[in-house]
Amino acid sequence: MIRPLLLLSAALLLSPASQAQQMKRQLGDFDFTLGTTPSRSMAQGLISPSAVGAFHGGLDLSHPNGWYLGQYAPSMGVTPNSTLRLDSYLGYKHHFDSSLGYEVGLIHYSQPNIAGPDSYALYGGISVLGSRFGGALRDNPDNRTGTLFADFGHLPMFDVDFTVKLAHHRLGTPFTIGDGSQVNTFSDWSLELSRPWLGIDLNLIYSNSSLSGASCDAYSGINTYCDSVVTFKAQRSFF
């Protein structure tokens, strides 16, 4: 069942006639969303980031009672140097009123084309006055990770959206570097400013970790690079 859904997603995401990030439809009592960016609030901040240069997208199905499920592919594995990656999630979301709500769920991370165990993450958070604060615990034998996520929404004074992510990692097997010392744990973080401009998503990202120099060989965290990096990204969606 997973393969047809991914093929449907890929076909629609690559359609040149569409110009929005997400396409929404009503299927009976369910809301169906298909898009190039994940549609969930808490899960959006905690699923794997899209691989650079990879085709990505996903789908989401939600019910008015608060339950939802979906699947997002950070990489669909359609290019020679990419691997199929799938983040599948199930969760529940509830709003007390327009200013306060909560959300809990489970994410399953997998790479079907690579041998090895899958991993899972429990996540949850609250939304307050347009801002979202969440966290997750990911059970991965090679790298157990606790993540905190904050999306402060739109900052009117600067006309940008502001997002912060912080993670702490504990390696299942200590990593030995050249001088004989070992890396057992490390932390990493990212700060992101984003805004739309003429149909293009502009993102300015600062990322860093507690590792440096030779110890960066042990890095396998939430960022693309171990060291301090400032990245500017401009992205236009197929639809």
Protein backbone atom coordinates (compact mmCIF):
# COMPACT_ATOMS: atom_id res chain seq x y z
CA MET A 1 0.00 0.00 0.00
CA ILE A 2 2.91 2.34 0.70
CA ARG A 3 4.35 2.17 -2.83
CA PRO A 4 1.15 3.28 -4.68
CA LEU A 5 0.69 6.18 -2.27
CA LEU A 6 4.26 7.34 -2.86
CA LEU A 7 3.90 7.04 -6.62
CA LEU A 8 0.70 9.08 -6.48
CA SER A 9 2.45 11.70 -4.38
CA ALA A 10 5.41 11.85 -6.77
CA ALA A 11 3.17 12.23 -9.82
CA LEU A 12 1.27 15.13 -8.30
CA LEU A 13 4.34 16.81 -6.81
CA LEU A 14 6.06 16.80 -10.18
CA SER A 15 3.06 18.24 -12.02
CA PRO A 16 4.12 21.62 -13.54
CA ALA A 17 0.54 22.89 -13.73
CA SER A 18 0.20 23.35 -9.97
CA GLN A 19 1.68 26.25 -8.01
CA ALA A 20 0.79 25.75 -4.32
CA GLN A 21 2.73 23.95 -1.61
CA GLN A 22 -0.25 21.86 -0.58
CA MET A 23 -3.35 20.52 -2.28
CA LYS A 24 -6.37 19.87 -0.04
CA ARG A 25 -9.49 17.79 -0.71
CA GLN A 26 -12.49 16.66 1.30
CA LEU A 27 -13.00 12.87 1.42
CA GLY A 28 -16.26 12.32 3.28
CA ASP A 29 -15.60 13.30 6.91
CA PHE A 30 -11.85 13.35 6.33
CA ASP A 31 -9.55 16.17 5.20
CA PHE A 32 -6.93 14.96 2.73
CA THR A 33 -3.74 16.97 2.14
CA LEU A 34 -1.03 16.28 -0.43
CA GLY A 35 2.04 18.50 -0.59
CA THR A 36 5.75 19.08 -0.87
CA THR A 37 5.99 20.14 2.78
CA PRO A 38 4.69 18.17 5.80
CA SER A 39 1.27 19.42 6.87
CA ARG A 40 1.35 18.51 10.55
CA SER A 41 2.22 21.07 13.20
CA MET A 42 4.27 19.13 15.77
CA ALA A 43 5.31 16.39 13.35
CA GLN A 44 6.43 19.04 10.85
CA GLY A 45 9.14 20.17 13.22
CA LEU A 46 10.26 16.69 14.20
CA ILE A 47 10.30 14.55 11.07
CA SER A 48 13.50 14.19 9.07
CA PRO A 49 14.43 17.24 6.97
CA SER A 50 14.25 16.96 3.21
CA ALA A 51 17.49 15.80 1.65
CA VAL A 52 19.22 18.42 -0.48
CA GLY A 53 18.38 17.97 -4.15
CA ALA A 54 15.93 15.14 -3.45
CA PHE A 55 12.32 14.82 -4.55
CA HIS A 56 10.15 14.91 -1.45
CA GLY A 57 6.51 15.08 -0.43
CA GLY A 58 3.76 13.38 1.48
CA LEU A 59 0.12 13.01 2.36
CA ASP A 60 -2.04 13.52 5.42
CA LEU A 61 -5.53 12.36 6.42
CA SER A 62 -7.33 13.91 9.38
CA HIS A 63 -10.77 13.65 11.02
CA PRO A 64 -12.70 16.43 12.81
CA ASN A 65 -12.53 14.47 16.08
CA GLY A 66 -8.77 15.19 16.22
CA TRP A 67 -7.22 11.93 15.01
CA TYR A 68 -4.87 12.01 12.03
CA LEU A 69 -2.33 9.89 10.18
CA GLY A 70 0.07 10.53 7.36
CA GLN A 71 3.33 9.80 5.65
CA TYR A 72 6.14 12.08 4.50
CA ALA A 73 9.11 11.10 2.32
CA PRO A 74 12.13 13.40 2.86
CA SER A 75 13.64 11.55 -0.12
CA MET A 76 11.73 9.40 -2.60
CA GLY A 77 14.91 7.73 -3.86
CA VAL A 78 14.29 8.55 -7.51
CA THR A 79 17.79 9.89 -8.25
CA PRO A 80 20.96 7.73 -8.41
CA ASN A 81 22.50 9.17 -5.23
CA SER A 82 19.34 9.19 -3.10
CA THR A 83 17.69 6.56 -0.89
CA LEU A 84 13.99 6.13 -0.17
CA ARG A 85 13.18 7.46 3.31
CA LEU A 86 9.75 7.36 4.94
CA ASP A 87 8.40 9.09 8.05
CA SER A 88 4.94 7.72 8.96
CA TYR A 89 2.94 9.21 11.81
CA LEU A 90 -0.24 8.80 13.83
CA GLY A 91 -1.47 11.41 16.28
CA TYR A 92 -4.24 13.28 18.06
CA LYS A 93 -4.75 17.03 18.21
CA HIS A 94 -7.21 19.02 20.32
CA HIS A 95 -7.94 22.74 20.69
CA PHE A 96 -9.62 24.07 23.83
CA ASP A 97 -10.18 27.39 22.06
CA SER A 98 -8.52 29.51 19.36
CA SER A 99 -5.51 30.26 21.57
CA LEU A 100 -4.72 26.97 23.36
CA GLY A 101 -4.37 23.35 22.29
CA TYR A 102 -2.25 20.22 22.57
CA GLU A 103 -1.02 17.39 20.37
CA VAL A 104 0.49 13.91 20.89
CA GLY A 105 1.62 11.26 18.46
CA LEU A 106 4.01 8.57 17.24
CA ILE A 107 6.43 8.72 14.27
CA HIS A 108 7.93 5.70 12.52
CA TYR A 109 11.21 6.33 10.64
CA SER A 110 12.30 3.84 7.97
CA GLN A 111 14.56 3.35 4.97
CA PRO A 112 12.98 0.34 3.18
CA ASN A 113 15.91 -0.15 0.79
CA ILE A 114 18.54 -0.37 3.54
CA ALA A 115 18.88 -3.30 5.93
CA GLY A 116 18.67 -2.38 9.59
CA PRO A 117 16.15 -1.70 12.35
CA ASP A 118 13.56 1.06 12.01
CA SER A 119 13.18 3.65 14.76
CA TYR A 120 10.28 5.39 16.49
CA ALA A 121 9.64 8.68 18.24
CA LEU A 122 6.96 9.73 20.71
CA TYR A 123 6.13 13.42 20.40
CA GLY A 124 3.84 15.97 21.99
CA GLY A 125 3.41 19.67 22.49
CA ILE A 126 1.16 22.64 23.04
CA SER A 127 0.09 25.57 20.92
CA VAL A 128 -0.33 28.92 22.67
CA LEU A 129 -1.41 32.16 20.97
CA GLY A 130 -0.05 31.12 17.58
CA SER A 131 3.24 29.68 18.90
CA ARG A 132 4.02 25.96 19.19
CA PHE A 133 6.30 24.21 21.70
CA GLY A 134 6.99 20.50 21.44
CA GLY A 135 9.37 17.69 22.16
CA ALA A 136 10.13 14.12 21.14
CA LEU A 137 12.00 11.05 22.32
CA ARG A 138 13.37 8.91 19.50
CA ASP A 139 14.30 5.27 20.12
CA ASN A 140 17.14 4.44 17.75
CA PRO A 141 19.67 1.83 18.91
CA ASP A 142 22.53 3.73 17.24
CA ASN A 143 21.52 7.22 18.38
CA ARG A 144 18.86 7.84 21.03
CA THR A 145 17.69 11.42 20.66
CA GLY A 146 15.65 13.88 22.70
CA THR A 147 14.45 16.91 20.75
CA LEU A 148 12.86 20.22 21.78
CA PHE A 149 11.10 22.28 19.14
CA ALA A 150 9.69 25.81 19.23
CA ASP A 151 7.88 27.61 16.42
CA PHE A 152 7.18 31.20 17.44
CA GLY A 153 5.16 31.85 14.31
CA HIS A 154 5.19 35.17 12.52
CA LEU A 155 7.22 37.98 14.08
CA PRO A 156 5.47 41.16 12.84
CA MET A 157 8.35 43.47 13.72
CA PHE A 158 10.71 41.59 11.37
CA ASP A 159 8.07 40.10 9.02
CA VAL A 160 9.52 36.57 9.31
CA ASP A 161 8.67 33.20 10.89
CA PHE A 162 11.09 32.07 13.63
CA THR A 163 11.80 28.42 14.51
CA VAL A 164 14.25 26.87 17.01
CA LYS A 165 15.25 23.22 17.39
CA LEU A 166 17.55 21.67 20.03
CA ALA A 167 18.51 17.99 20.30
CA HIS A 168 20.62 15.84 22.61
CA HIS A 169 22.04 12.55 21.27
CA ARG A 170 23.36 9.48 23.09
CA LEU A 171 25.27 7.04 20.90
CA GLY A 172 24.52 3.34 21.32
CA THR A 173 28.21 2.57 20.75
CA PRO A 174 30.87 5.15 21.73
CA PHE A 175 32.71 6.59 18.73
CA THR A 176 36.52 6.55 18.97
CA ILE A 177 38.36 9.40 17.25
CA GLY A 178 41.97 9.64 16.11
CA ASP A 179 43.52 10.62 19.45
CA GLY A 180 41.92 7.65 21.21
CA SER A 181 39.23 9.64 23.01
CA GLN A 182 35.58 8.66 22.70
CA VAL A 183 32.37 10.51 21.93
CA ASN A 184 29.37 9.19 23.88
CA THR A 185 26.97 12.12 23.68
CA PHE A 186 26.60 15.42 21.86
CA SER A 187 24.04 18.17 21.30
CA ASP A 188 23.09 20.20 18.25
CA TRP A 189 20.72 23.02 17.45
CA SER A 190 19.36 25.22 14.67
CA LEU A 191 17.70 28.64 14.33
CA GLU A 192 15.63 29.38 11.24
CA LEU A 193 14.11 32.57 9.83
CA SER A 194 11.74 32.14 6.89
CA ARG A 195 9.34 34.14 4.75
CA PRO A 196 7.65 33.84 1.35
CA TRP A 197 8.66 36.18 -1.49
CA LEU A 198 7.15 36.19 -4.99
CA GLY A 199 6.12 32.54 -4.66
CA ILE A 200 9.55 31.50 -3.33
CA ASP A 201 10.21 30.29 0.24
CA LEU A 202 13.28 32.07 1.63
CA ASN A 203 15.05 30.47 4.61
CA LEU A 204 18.05 31.66 6.61
CA ILE A 205 19.34 28.91 8.91
CA TYR A 206 22.08 28.91 11.54
CA SER A 207 23.13 25.47 12.81
CA ASN A 208 25.85 24.19 15.12
CA SER A 209 26.74 21.35 17.48
CA SER A 210 28.82 20.72 20.59
CA LEU A 211 31.34 18.75 18.50
CA SER A 212 34.27 20.25 16.64
CA GLY A 213 37.45 19.25 14.83
CA ALA A 214 38.16 15.50 14.73
CA SER A 215 35.13 14.72 16.94
CA CYS A 216 32.87 15.76 14.06
CA ASP A 217 33.53 12.32 12.59
CA ALA A 218 31.03 11.05 15.18
CA TYR A 219 28.30 13.49 14.13
CA SER A 220 24.93 12.18 12.95
CA GLY A 221 22.43 14.73 14.18
CA ILE A 222 19.56 16.94 13.06
CA ASN A 223 21.72 19.26 10.95
CA THR A 224 23.46 18.76 7.63
CA TYR A 225 26.84 19.82 9.03
CA CYS A 226 28.57 19.36 12.39
CA ASP A 227 30.30 22.75 12.58
CA SER A 228 28.79 26.23 12.80
CA VAL A 229 27.12 27.00 9.46
CA VAL A 230 24.87 29.73 8.11
CA THR A 231 22.73 28.55 5.18
CA PHE A 232 20.53 30.55 2.84
CA LYS A 233 17.93 28.50 0.99
CA ALA A 234 15.44 29.59 -1.67
CA GLN A 235 12.88 26.99 -2.66
CA ARG A 236 9.97 27.05 -5.07
CA SER A 237 7.50 24.17 -4.85
CA PHE A 238 6.15 22.33 -7.86
CA PHE A 239 2.66 23.04 -6.52
